[in-house]
Amino acid sequence: MKAALKAFGEFPEGAQIEILRALSIAAEGRKADIAKPMKGLGSGIFEVALAWRDDAYRTVYAVQIGDALWVVHAFQKKSKTGVKTPKTEIDLIRTRLKRLKETLQ
């Protein structure tokens, strides 16, 4: 998705490399150590969680929509609520997943 790609392009180069490595592993049908299922969004939705220097970066991808790996959201986590993903980010992910599924049907 264009918005996710744009946001991902703003990540530091080192963070991009690490996340791309995790996404490549996912494209091969495996799960990287820094990826975990996102609860509450259905099966096949994963989050790559990367601590990079003093920041946290997240990339959310779906593996069970069509034949492709779809990156639906990328963001720098700035939440002050610990490891929990902010509700605004979850809502955006849900919206993008719904739009993606509708587009592919």
C-alpha atoms as a PDB file:
ATOM      1  CA  MET A   1       0.000   0.000   0.000  1.00  0.00           C
ATOM      2  CA  LYS A   2       1.343   3.406  -0.962  1.00  0.00           C
ATOM      3  CA  ALA A   3       0.835   5.039   2.440  1.00  0.00           C
ATOM      4  CA  ALA A   4       2.700   2.214   4.195  1.00  0.00           C
ATOM      5  CA  LEU A   5       5.546   2.406   1.671  1.00  0.00           C
ATOM      6  CA  LYS A   6       5.826   6.157   2.145  1.00  0.00           C
ATOM      7  CA  ALA A   7       5.943   5.831   5.949  1.00  0.00           C
ATOM      8  CA  PHE A   8       8.442   2.965   5.682  1.00  0.00           C
ATOM      9  CA  GLY A   9      10.677   5.160   3.528  1.00  0.00           C
ATOM     10  CA  GLU A  10      10.961   7.596   6.428  1.00  0.00           C
ATOM     11  CA  PHE A  11      12.422   4.943   8.754  1.00  0.00           C
ATOM     12  CA  PRO A  12      16.197   5.064   9.344  1.00  0.00           C
ATOM     13  CA  GLU A  13      18.114   2.994   6.782  1.00  0.00           C
ATOM     14  CA  GLY A  14      19.261   0.436   9.353  1.00  0.00           C
ATOM     15  CA  ALA A  15      15.708  -0.107  10.578  1.00  0.00           C
ATOM     16  CA  GLN A  16      14.530  -0.529   6.988  1.00  0.00           C
ATOM     17  CA  ILE A  17      17.158  -3.215   6.378  1.00  0.00           C
ATOM     18  CA  GLU A  18      16.138  -5.189   9.475  1.00  0.00           C
ATOM     19  CA  ILE A  19      12.431  -4.978   8.680  1.00  0.00           C
ATOM     20  CA  LEU A  20      13.002  -5.911   5.025  1.00  0.00           C
ATOM     21  CA  ARG A  21      14.905  -8.965   6.236  1.00  0.00           C
ATOM     22  CA  ALA A  22      11.884  -9.986   8.349  1.00  0.00           C
ATOM     23  CA  LEU A  23       9.503  -9.379   5.434  1.00  0.00           C
ATOM     24  CA  SER A  24      11.689 -11.492   3.131  1.00  0.00           C
ATOM     25  CA  ILE A  25      11.479 -14.349   5.624  1.00  0.00           C
ATOM     26  CA  ALA A  26       7.684 -13.943   5.677  1.00  0.00           C
ATOM     27  CA  ALA A  27       7.558 -13.993   1.873  1.00  0.00           C
ATOM     28  CA  GLU A  28       9.291 -17.395   2.048  1.00  0.00           C
ATOM     29  CA  GLY A  29       6.470 -18.671   4.269  1.00  0.00           C
ATOM     30  CA  ARG A  30       8.357 -18.471   7.550  1.00  0.00           C
ATOM     31  CA  LYS A  31       8.168 -16.088  10.524  1.00  0.00           C
ATOM     32  CA  ALA A  32      11.065 -13.905  11.618  1.00  0.00           C
ATOM     33  CA  ASP A  33      12.008 -13.665  15.285  1.00  0.00           C
ATOM     34  CA  ILE A  34      10.890 -10.023  15.385  1.00  0.00           C
ATOM     35  CA  ALA A  35       7.443 -10.800  13.916  1.00  0.00           C
ATOM     36  CA  LYS A  36       4.401 -11.751  15.968  1.00  0.00           C
ATOM     37  CA  PRO A  37       0.715 -12.307  15.223  1.00  0.00           C
ATOM     38  CA  MET A  38      -1.453  -9.243  15.827  1.00  0.00           C
ATOM     39  CA  LYS A  39      -4.277 -10.228  18.127  1.00  0.00           C
ATOM     40  CA  GLY A  40      -7.798  -9.123  17.307  1.00  0.00           C
ATOM     41  CA  LEU A  41      -7.239  -8.611  13.576  1.00  0.00           C
ATOM     42  CA  GLY A  42      -7.780 -12.151  12.328  1.00  0.00           C
ATOM     43  CA  SER A  43      -5.410 -14.889  11.313  1.00  0.00           C
ATOM     44  CA  GLY A  44      -2.560 -14.162   8.959  1.00  0.00           C
ATOM     45  CA  ILE A  45      -1.950 -10.607  10.203  1.00  0.00           C
ATOM     46  CA  PHE A  46       1.507 -10.058  11.680  1.00  0.00           C
ATOM     47  CA  GLU A  47       3.466  -7.187  13.147  1.00  0.00           C
ATOM     48  CA  VAL A  48       7.207  -6.745  12.785  1.00  0.00           C
ATOM     49  CA  ALA A  49       8.331  -4.976  15.943  1.00  0.00           C
ATOM     50  CA  LEU A  50      11.806  -3.469  15.871  1.00  0.00           C
ATOM     51  CA  ALA A  51      13.574  -1.536  18.599  1.00  0.00           C
ATOM     52  CA  TRP A  52      16.090   0.655  16.791  1.00  0.00           C
ATOM     53  CA  ARG A  53      18.393   2.808  18.857  1.00  0.00           C
ATOM     54  CA  ASP A  54      16.015   4.687  21.186  1.00  0.00           C
ATOM     55  CA  ASP A  55      12.953   4.336  18.945  1.00  0.00           C
ATOM     56  CA  ALA A  56      10.446   1.614  18.093  1.00  0.00           C
ATOM     57  CA  TYR A  57       9.273   0.867  14.564  1.00  0.00           C
ATOM     58  CA  ARG A  58       6.349  -1.305  13.526  1.00  0.00           C
ATOM     59  CA  THR A  59       5.338  -2.764  10.187  1.00  0.00           C
ATOM     60  CA  VAL A  60       2.079  -4.693   9.833  1.00  0.00           C
ATOM     61  CA  TYR A  61       1.641  -7.224   7.053  1.00  0.00           C
ATOM     62  CA  ALA A  62      -0.966  -9.730   5.911  1.00  0.00           C
ATOM     63  CA  VAL A  63      -0.023 -13.105   4.468  1.00  0.00           C
ATOM     64  CA  GLN A  64      -3.385 -14.697   3.703  1.00  0.00           C
ATOM     65  CA  ILE A  65      -4.852 -12.222   1.241  1.00  0.00           C
ATOM     66  CA  GLY A  66      -4.422 -13.567  -2.260  1.00  0.00           C
ATOM     67  CA  ASP A  67      -1.018 -14.940  -3.178  1.00  0.00           C
ATOM     68  CA  ALA A  68       1.030 -11.990  -2.041  1.00  0.00           C
ATOM     69  CA  LEU A  69       2.493 -10.510   1.103  1.00  0.00           C
ATOM     70  CA  TRP A  70       0.802  -7.163   1.695  1.00  0.00           C
ATOM     71  CA  VAL A  71       2.315  -4.487   3.936  1.00  0.00           C
ATOM     72  CA  VAL A  72      -0.664  -2.493   5.177  1.00  0.00           C
ATOM     73  CA  HIS A  73       0.922  -0.129   7.692  1.00  0.00           C
ATOM     74  CA  ALA A  74       4.297   1.111   8.871  1.00  0.00           C
ATOM     75  CA  PHE A  75       4.783   3.533  11.731  1.00  0.00           C
ATOM     76  CA  GLN A  76       7.135   4.732  14.418  1.00  0.00           C
ATOM     77  CA  LYS A  77       5.648   3.786  17.756  1.00  0.00           C
ATOM     78  CA  LYS A  78       5.505   6.757  20.084  1.00  0.00           C
ATOM     79  CA  SER A  79       2.971   5.429  22.567  1.00  0.00           C
ATOM     80  CA  LYS A  80       3.570   6.096  26.204  1.00  0.00           C
ATOM     81  CA  THR A  81       1.421   3.088  27.166  1.00  0.00           C
ATOM     82  CA  GLY A  82       4.197   0.507  26.997  1.00  0.00           C
ATOM     83  CA  VAL A  83       4.200  -2.172  24.304  1.00  0.00           C
ATOM     84  CA  LYS A  84       0.519  -1.825  23.435  1.00  0.00           C
ATOM     85  CA  THR A  85      -0.201  -0.555  19.916  1.00  0.00           C
ATOM     86  CA  PRO A  86      -2.248   2.674  20.097  1.00  0.00           C
ATOM     87  CA  LYS A  87      -5.952   2.393  19.187  1.00  0.00           C
ATOM     88  CA  THR A  88      -5.605   4.948  16.380  1.00  0.00           C
ATOM     89  CA  GLU A  89      -3.012   2.715  14.697  1.00  0.00           C
ATOM     90  CA  ILE A  90      -5.204  -0.405  15.148  1.00  0.00           C
ATOM     91  CA  ASP A  91      -8.188   1.430  13.633  1.00  0.00           C
ATOM     92  CA  LEU A  92      -6.097   2.498  10.643  1.00  0.00           C
ATOM     93  CA  ILE A  93      -4.860  -1.080  10.144  1.00  0.00           C
ATOM     94  CA  ARG A  94      -8.439  -2.394  10.238  1.00  0.00           C
ATOM     95  CA  THR A  95      -9.546   0.176   7.663  1.00  0.00           C
ATOM     96  CA  ARG A  96      -6.673  -0.641   5.320  1.00  0.00           C
ATOM     97  CA  LEU A  97      -7.221  -4.400   5.650  1.00  0.00           C
ATOM     98  CA  LYS A  98     -10.911  -3.986   4.835  1.00  0.00           C
ATOM     99  CA  ARG A  99     -10.115  -1.824   1.811  1.00  0.00           C
ATOM    100  CA  LEU A 100      -7.468  -4.297   0.622  1.00  0.00           C
ATOM    101  CA  LYS A 101      -9.834  -7.270   0.889  1.00  0.00           C
ATOM    102  CA  GLU A 102     -12.537  -5.382  -1.012  1.00  0.00           C
ATOM    103  CA  THR A 103     -10.069  -4.426  -3.749  1.00  0.00           C
ATOM    104  CA  LEU A 104      -8.845  -8.002  -4.207  1.00  0.00           C
ATOM    105  CA  GLN A 105     -12.297  -9.605  -4.413  1.00  0.00           C
END
